[in-house]
C-alpha atoms as a PDB file:
ATOM      1  CA  MET A   1     -17.071 -14.843   7.691  1.00  0.00           C
ATOM      2  CA  GLY A   2     -13.819 -16.726   8.269  1.00  0.00           C
ATOM      3  CA  LEU A   3     -13.206 -17.239   4.562  1.00  0.00           C
ATOM      4  CA  PHE A   4     -13.844 -13.550   3.896  1.00  0.00           C
ATOM      5  CA  LEU A   5     -11.304 -12.548   6.556  1.00  0.00           C
ATOM      6  CA  VAL A   6      -8.716 -14.957   5.168  1.00  0.00           C
ATOM      7  CA  ARG A   7      -9.200 -13.549   1.669  1.00  0.00           C
ATOM      8  CA  ALA A   8      -9.127  -9.950   2.914  1.00  0.00           C
ATOM      9  CA  THR A   9      -5.928 -10.636   4.853  1.00  0.00           C
ATOM     10  CA  ALA A  10      -4.288 -12.210   1.804  1.00  0.00           C
ATOM     11  CA  VAL A  11      -5.334  -9.441  -0.583  1.00  0.00           C
ATOM     12  CA  VAL A  12      -4.252  -6.613   1.706  1.00  0.00           C
ATOM     13  CA  ALA A  13      -0.952  -8.317   2.572  1.00  0.00           C
ATOM     14  CA  LEU A  14      -0.165  -8.861  -1.113  1.00  0.00           C
ATOM     15  CA  LEU A  15      -1.079  -5.256  -1.935  1.00  0.00           C
ATOM     16  CA  ILE A  16       1.218  -3.921   0.768  1.00  0.00           C
ATOM     17  CA  LEU A  17       3.959  -6.350  -0.304  1.00  0.00           C
ATOM     18  CA  TYR A  18       3.609  -4.978  -3.847  1.00  0.00           C
ATOM     19  CA  PHE A  19       4.117  -1.440  -2.541  1.00  0.00           C
ATOM     20  CA  VAL A  20       7.067  -2.402  -0.317  1.00  0.00           C
ATOM     21  CA  ARG A  21       8.761  -4.583  -2.955  1.00  0.00           C
ATOM     22  CA  PRO A  22      11.381  -1.979  -4.076  1.00  0.00           C
ATOM     23  CA  GLU A  23      12.604  -1.743  -0.474  1.00  0.00           C
ATOM     24  CA  LEU A  24      13.359  -5.465  -0.529  1.00  0.00           C
ATOM     25  CA  SER A  25      15.516  -5.316  -3.665  1.00  0.00           C
ATOM     26  CA  ASP A  26      19.313  -5.205  -3.639  1.00  0.00           C
ATOM     27  CA  GLU A  27      19.264  -1.616  -4.897  1.00  0.00           C
ATOM     28  CA  GLY A  28      16.843  -0.603  -2.148  1.00  0.00           C
ATOM     29  CA  SER A  29      19.069  -2.112   0.517  1.00  0.00           C
ATOM     30  CA  LEU A  30      22.133  -0.458  -0.992  1.00  0.00           C
ATOM     31  CA  LEU A  31      20.469   2.969  -1.061  1.00  0.00           C
ATOM     32  CA  ARG A  32      19.282   2.594   2.538  1.00  0.00           C
ATOM     33  CA  ARG A  33      22.780   1.635   3.735  1.00  0.00           C
ATOM     34  CA  TRP A  34      24.314   4.524   1.771  1.00  0.00           C
ATOM     35  CA  SER A  35      21.860   7.042   3.239  1.00  0.00           C
ATOM     36  CA  ARG A  36      22.728   5.946   6.784  1.00  0.00           C
ATOM     37  CA  ASP A  37      26.445   6.457   6.113  1.00  0.00           C
ATOM     38  CA  ASN A  38      27.435   9.990   7.086  1.00  0.00           C
ATOM     39  CA  SER A  39      30.562  10.239   4.940  1.00  0.00           C
ATOM     40  CA  GLY A  40      28.819  10.629   1.576  1.00  0.00           C
ATOM     41  CA  ASP A  41      31.489   8.494  -0.098  1.00  0.00           C
ATOM     42  CA  THR A  42      30.245   6.339  -2.949  1.00  0.00           C
ATOM     43  CA  ASP A  43      31.745   3.733  -5.186  1.00  0.00           C
ATOM     44  CA  SER A  44      30.920   3.540  -8.893  1.00  0.00           C
ATOM     45  CA  VAL A  45      28.090   1.016  -8.428  1.00  0.00           C
ATOM     46  CA  THR A  46      26.374   3.033  -5.708  1.00  0.00           C
ATOM     47  CA  ASP A  47      26.882   6.235  -7.684  1.00  0.00           C
ATOM     48  CA  SER A  48      25.270   4.753 -10.801  1.00  0.00           C
ATOM     49  CA  ILE A  49      22.306   3.398  -8.795  1.00  0.00           C
ATOM     50  CA  ILE A  50      21.748   6.793  -7.160  1.00  0.00           C
ATOM     51  CA  SER A  51      21.923   8.524 -10.557  1.00  0.00           C
ATOM     52  CA  GLU A  52      19.523   6.001 -12.077  1.00  0.00           C
ATOM     53  CA  HIS A  53      16.934   6.484  -9.329  1.00  0.00           C
ATOM     54  CA  ILE A  54      17.192  10.277  -9.418  1.00  0.00           C
ATOM     55  CA  LEU A  55      16.777  10.189 -13.213  1.00  0.00           C
ATOM     56  CA  ARG A  56      13.747   7.900 -12.903  1.00  0.00           C
ATOM     57  CA  PHE A  57      12.147  10.205 -10.315  1.00  0.00           C
ATOM     58  CA  THR A  58      12.929  13.245 -12.489  1.00  0.00           C
ATOM     59  CA  CYS A  59      11.444  11.657 -15.616  1.00  0.00           C
ATOM     60  CA  GLU A  60       8.332  10.327 -13.889  1.00  0.00           C
ATOM     61  CA  HIS A  61       7.468  13.708 -12.399  1.00  0.00           C
ATOM     62  CA  GLY A  62       8.745  15.934 -15.214  1.00  0.00           C
ATOM     63  CA  LEU A  63      11.227  17.929 -13.145  1.00  0.00           C
ATOM     64  CA  SER A  64      13.137  20.715 -14.847  1.00  0.00           C
ATOM     65  CA  GLU A  65      16.908  20.639 -15.248  1.00  0.00           C
ATOM     66  CA  SER A  66      17.430  23.035 -12.326  1.00  0.00           C
ATOM     67  CA  GLU A  67      15.164  20.961 -10.058  1.00  0.00           C
ATOM     68  CA  SER A  68      17.023  17.833 -11.073  1.00  0.00           C
ATOM     69  CA  ARG A  69      20.317  19.529 -10.180  1.00  0.00           C
ATOM     70  CA  LEU A  70      18.910  20.378  -6.737  1.00  0.00           C
ATOM     71  CA  LEU A  71      18.128  16.696  -6.161  1.00  0.00           C
ATOM     72  CA  GLN A  72      21.559  15.688  -7.469  1.00  0.00           C
ATOM     73  CA  GLY A  73      23.095  18.195  -5.053  1.00  0.00           C
ATOM     74  CA  MET A  74      21.611  16.308  -2.128  1.00  0.00           C
ATOM     75  CA  ARG A  75      24.045  13.467  -2.794  1.00  0.00           C
ATOM     76  CA  THR A  76      26.667  15.181  -0.657  1.00  0.00           C
ATOM     77  CA  ARG A  77      24.367  14.744   2.356  1.00  0.00           C
ATOM     78  CA  PRO A  78      23.172  11.133   2.201  1.00  0.00           C
ATOM     79  CA  THR A  79      21.120  11.334   5.386  1.00  0.00           C
ATOM     80  CA  MET A  80      18.996  14.056   3.755  1.00  0.00           C
ATOM     81  CA  MET A  81      18.414  12.126   0.514  1.00  0.00           C
ATOM     82  CA  PRO A  82      14.722  11.207  -0.009  1.00  0.00           C
ATOM     83  CA  VAL A  83      15.525   7.523  -0.561  1.00  0.00           C
ATOM     84  CA  THR A  84      11.909   6.379  -0.139  1.00  0.00           C
ATOM     85  CA  LEU A  85      10.664   8.608  -2.960  1.00  0.00           C
ATOM     86  CA  LEU A  86      13.579   7.594  -5.165  1.00  0.00           C
ATOM     87  CA  LEU A  87      12.665   3.935  -4.664  1.00  0.00           C
ATOM     88  CA  HIS A  88       8.910   4.616  -4.862  1.00  0.00           C
ATOM     89  CA  PRO A  89       8.220   7.608  -7.132  1.00  0.00           C
ATOM     90  CA  GLY A  90       4.542   6.631  -7.471  1.00  0.00           C
ATOM     91  CA  PRO A  91       3.120   7.569  -4.035  1.00  0.00           C
ATOM     92  CA  VAL A  92       3.438  11.274  -4.862  1.00  0.00           C
ATOM     93  CA  GLN A  93       2.253  13.408  -7.736  1.00  0.00           C
ATOM     94  CA  ARG A  94       3.015  16.928  -8.781  1.00  0.00           C
ATOM     95  CA  GLU A  95       0.441  19.680  -8.419  1.00  0.00           C
ATOM     96  CA  GLY A  96       1.962  22.885  -9.672  1.00  0.00           C
ATOM     97  CA  LYS A  97       5.392  23.122  -8.100  1.00  0.00           C
ATOM     98  CA  ARG A  98       4.565  20.997  -5.051  1.00  0.00           C
ATOM     99  CA  PHE A  99       4.344  17.271  -4.459  1.00  0.00           C
ATOM    100  CA  VAL A 100       1.229  15.817  -2.845  1.00  0.00           C
ATOM    101  CA  ARG A 101      -0.127  12.332  -2.112  1.00  0.00           C
ATOM    102  CA  SER A 102      -1.157  10.379  -5.171  1.00  0.00           C
ATOM    103  CA  VAL A 103      -3.808   7.725  -5.679  1.00  0.00           C
ATOM    104  CA  ARG A 104      -1.201   5.052  -4.920  1.00  0.00           C
ATOM    105  CA  GLN A 105      -0.441   6.474  -1.494  1.00  0.00           C
ATOM    106  CA  ASN A 106      -4.153   6.860  -0.785  1.00  0.00           C
ATOM    107  CA  THR A 107      -4.608   3.197  -1.774  1.00  0.00           C
ATOM    108  CA  LEU A 108      -1.842   2.211   0.621  1.00  0.00           C
ATOM    109  CA  ILE A 109      -3.486   4.219   3.413  1.00  0.00           C
ATOM    110  CA  GLY A 110      -6.790   2.494   2.594  1.00  0.00           C
ATOM    111  CA  ALA A 111      -5.057  -0.882   2.870  1.00  0.00           C
ATOM    112  CA  LEU A 112      -3.749   0.111   6.301  1.00  0.00           C
ATOM    113  CA  VAL A 113      -7.253   1.073   7.404  1.00  0.00           C
ATOM    114  CA  THR A 114      -8.503  -2.291   6.141  1.00  0.00           C
ATOM    115  CA  VAL A 115      -5.848  -4.089   8.186  1.00  0.00           C
ATOM    116  CA  ALA A 116      -6.836  -2.057  11.244  1.00  0.00           C
ATOM    117  CA  VAL A 117     -10.475  -3.086  10.771  1.00  0.00           C
ATOM    118  CA  ILE A 118      -9.938  -6.805  10.118  1.00  0.00           C
ATOM    119  CA  PHE A 119      -7.135  -7.394  12.633  1.00  0.00           C
ATOM    120  CA  PRO A 120      -9.377  -7.607  15.735  1.00  0.00           C
ATOM    121  CA  LEU A 121     -11.745  -9.966  13.932  1.00  0.00           C
ATOM    122  CA  VAL A 122      -8.946 -12.265  12.770  1.00  0.00           C
ATOM    123  CA  THR A 123      -7.408 -12.250  16.241  1.00  0.00           C
ATOM    124  CA  GLY A 124     -10.784 -13.049  17.794  1.00  0.00           C
ATOM    125  CA  MET A 125     -11.226 -15.991  15.434  1.00  0.00           C
ATOM    126  CA  ALA A 126      -7.716 -17.178  16.275  1.00  0.00           C
ATOM    127  CA  VAL A 127      -8.798 -17.816  19.858  1.00  0.00           C
ATOM    128  CA  GLU A 128     -10.929 -20.731  18.662  1.00  0.00           C
ATOM    129  CA  HIS A 129      -8.958 -21.658  15.539  1.00  0.00           C
ATOM    130  CA  PRO A 130      -5.210 -21.600  16.248  1.00  0.00           C
ATOM    131  CA  VAL A 131      -4.346 -21.678  12.553  1.00  0.00           C
ATOM    132  CA  MET A 132      -5.829 -18.165  12.260  1.00  0.00           C
ATOM    133  CA  TRP A 133      -2.893 -16.799  14.272  1.00  0.00           C
ATOM    134  CA  LEU A 134      -0.994 -16.842  11.005  1.00  0.00           C
ATOM    135  CA  GLY A 135      -3.506 -14.311   9.671  1.00  0.00           C
ATOM    136  CA  ALA A 136      -3.005 -12.105  12.720  1.00  0.00           C
ATOM    137  CA  VAL A 137       0.769 -12.203  12.301  1.00  0.00           C
ATOM    138  CA  ILE A 138       0.452 -11.429   8.579  1.00  0.00           C
ATOM    139  CA  ASN A 139      -1.813  -8.481   9.418  1.00  0.00           C
ATOM    140  CA  LEU A 140       0.706  -7.146  11.943  1.00  0.00           C
ATOM    141  CA  ALA A 141       3.607  -7.449   9.507  1.00  0.00           C
ATOM    142  CA  ALA A 142       1.627  -5.847   6.673  1.00  0.00           C
ATOM    143  CA  PHE A 143       0.505  -2.979   8.884  1.00  0.00           C
ATOM    144  CA  ALA A 144       4.022  -2.318  10.174  1.00  0.00           C
ATOM    145  CA  ALA A 145       5.548  -2.352   6.679  1.00  0.00           C
ATOM    146  CA  GLY A 146       2.804  -0.199   5.177  1.00  0.00           C
ATOM    147  CA  ALA A 147       2.781   2.336   8.011  1.00  0.00           C
ATOM    148  CA  ASN A 148       6.558   2.658   7.808  1.00  0.00           C
ATOM    149  CA  LEU A 149       6.369   3.274   4.055  1.00  0.00           C
ATOM    150  CA  VAL A 150       3.640   5.923   4.446  1.00  0.00           C
ATOM    151  CA  ARG A 151       5.619   7.640   7.218  1.00  0.00           C
ATOM    152  CA  HIS A 152       8.781   7.779   5.102  1.00  0.00           C
ATOM    153  CA  CYS A 153       6.860   8.941   2.016  1.00  0.00           C
ATOM    154  CA  MET A 154       5.262  11.818   3.908  1.00  0.00           C
ATOM    155  CA  SER A 155       8.590  12.847   5.414  1.00  0.00           C
ATOM    156  CA  ASP A 156      10.365  12.677   2.047  1.00  0.00           C
ATOM    157  CA  THR A 157       7.546  14.606   0.370  1.00  0.00           C
ATOM    158  CA  SER A 158       8.025  17.470   2.825  1.00  0.00           C
ATOM    159  CA  LEU A 159      11.781  17.368   2.267  1.00  0.00           C
ATOM    160  CA  VAL A 160      11.488  17.405  -1.530  1.00  0.00           C
ATOM    161  CA  ASN A 161       8.976  20.265  -1.368  1.00  0.00           C
ATOM    162  CA  LEU A 162      11.379  22.206   0.858  1.00  0.00           C
ATOM    163  CA  VAL A 163      14.361  21.598  -1.419  1.00  0.00           C
ATOM    164  CA  LEU A 164      12.568  22.315  -4.708  1.00  0.00           C
ATOM    165  CA  THR A 165      10.368  25.246  -3.674  1.00  0.00           C
ATOM    166  CA  GLY A 166      12.262  26.671  -0.717  1.00  0.00           C
ATOM    167  CA  ARG A 167       9.131  26.344   1.436  1.00  0.00           C
ATOM    168  CA  GLY A 168       8.079  23.437   3.626  1.00  0.00           C
ATOM    169  CA  ASP A 169       4.597  22.007   3.995  1.00  0.00           C
END
């Protein structure tokens, strides 16, 4: 049972790390800092990174030219920019004119459920085997990172649906 829990913890933590990886990049950090700045001022590097991520999101989801312009127009209000979806275009898919959760986001939610199920067991084992506390800490960190990503993805999905269709969720 202990070996199974160790393997499950490792697999789920690596899966969530894979999903969160773009947030940890230099570009992800730059976009997050830019979106928290209220002035909307950008330098050439930030501007090119924003354009690149908007273009990638547009290409991956097949947005029309007018829809792409609507996303580009959000650059003047950085706090409203859906940075999470620009960094992670995969957790959503297009159904008609609206964006909904994709298989990737459902997989991430499944990983969070797995962490919620195995965390009490790993913590219980850690009472007798102190080295298992590492597994409990890894589970906590993975759950926090994954839940934060899901929360931001859902919020950004609603925002993008509102901007592109004129109607919220």
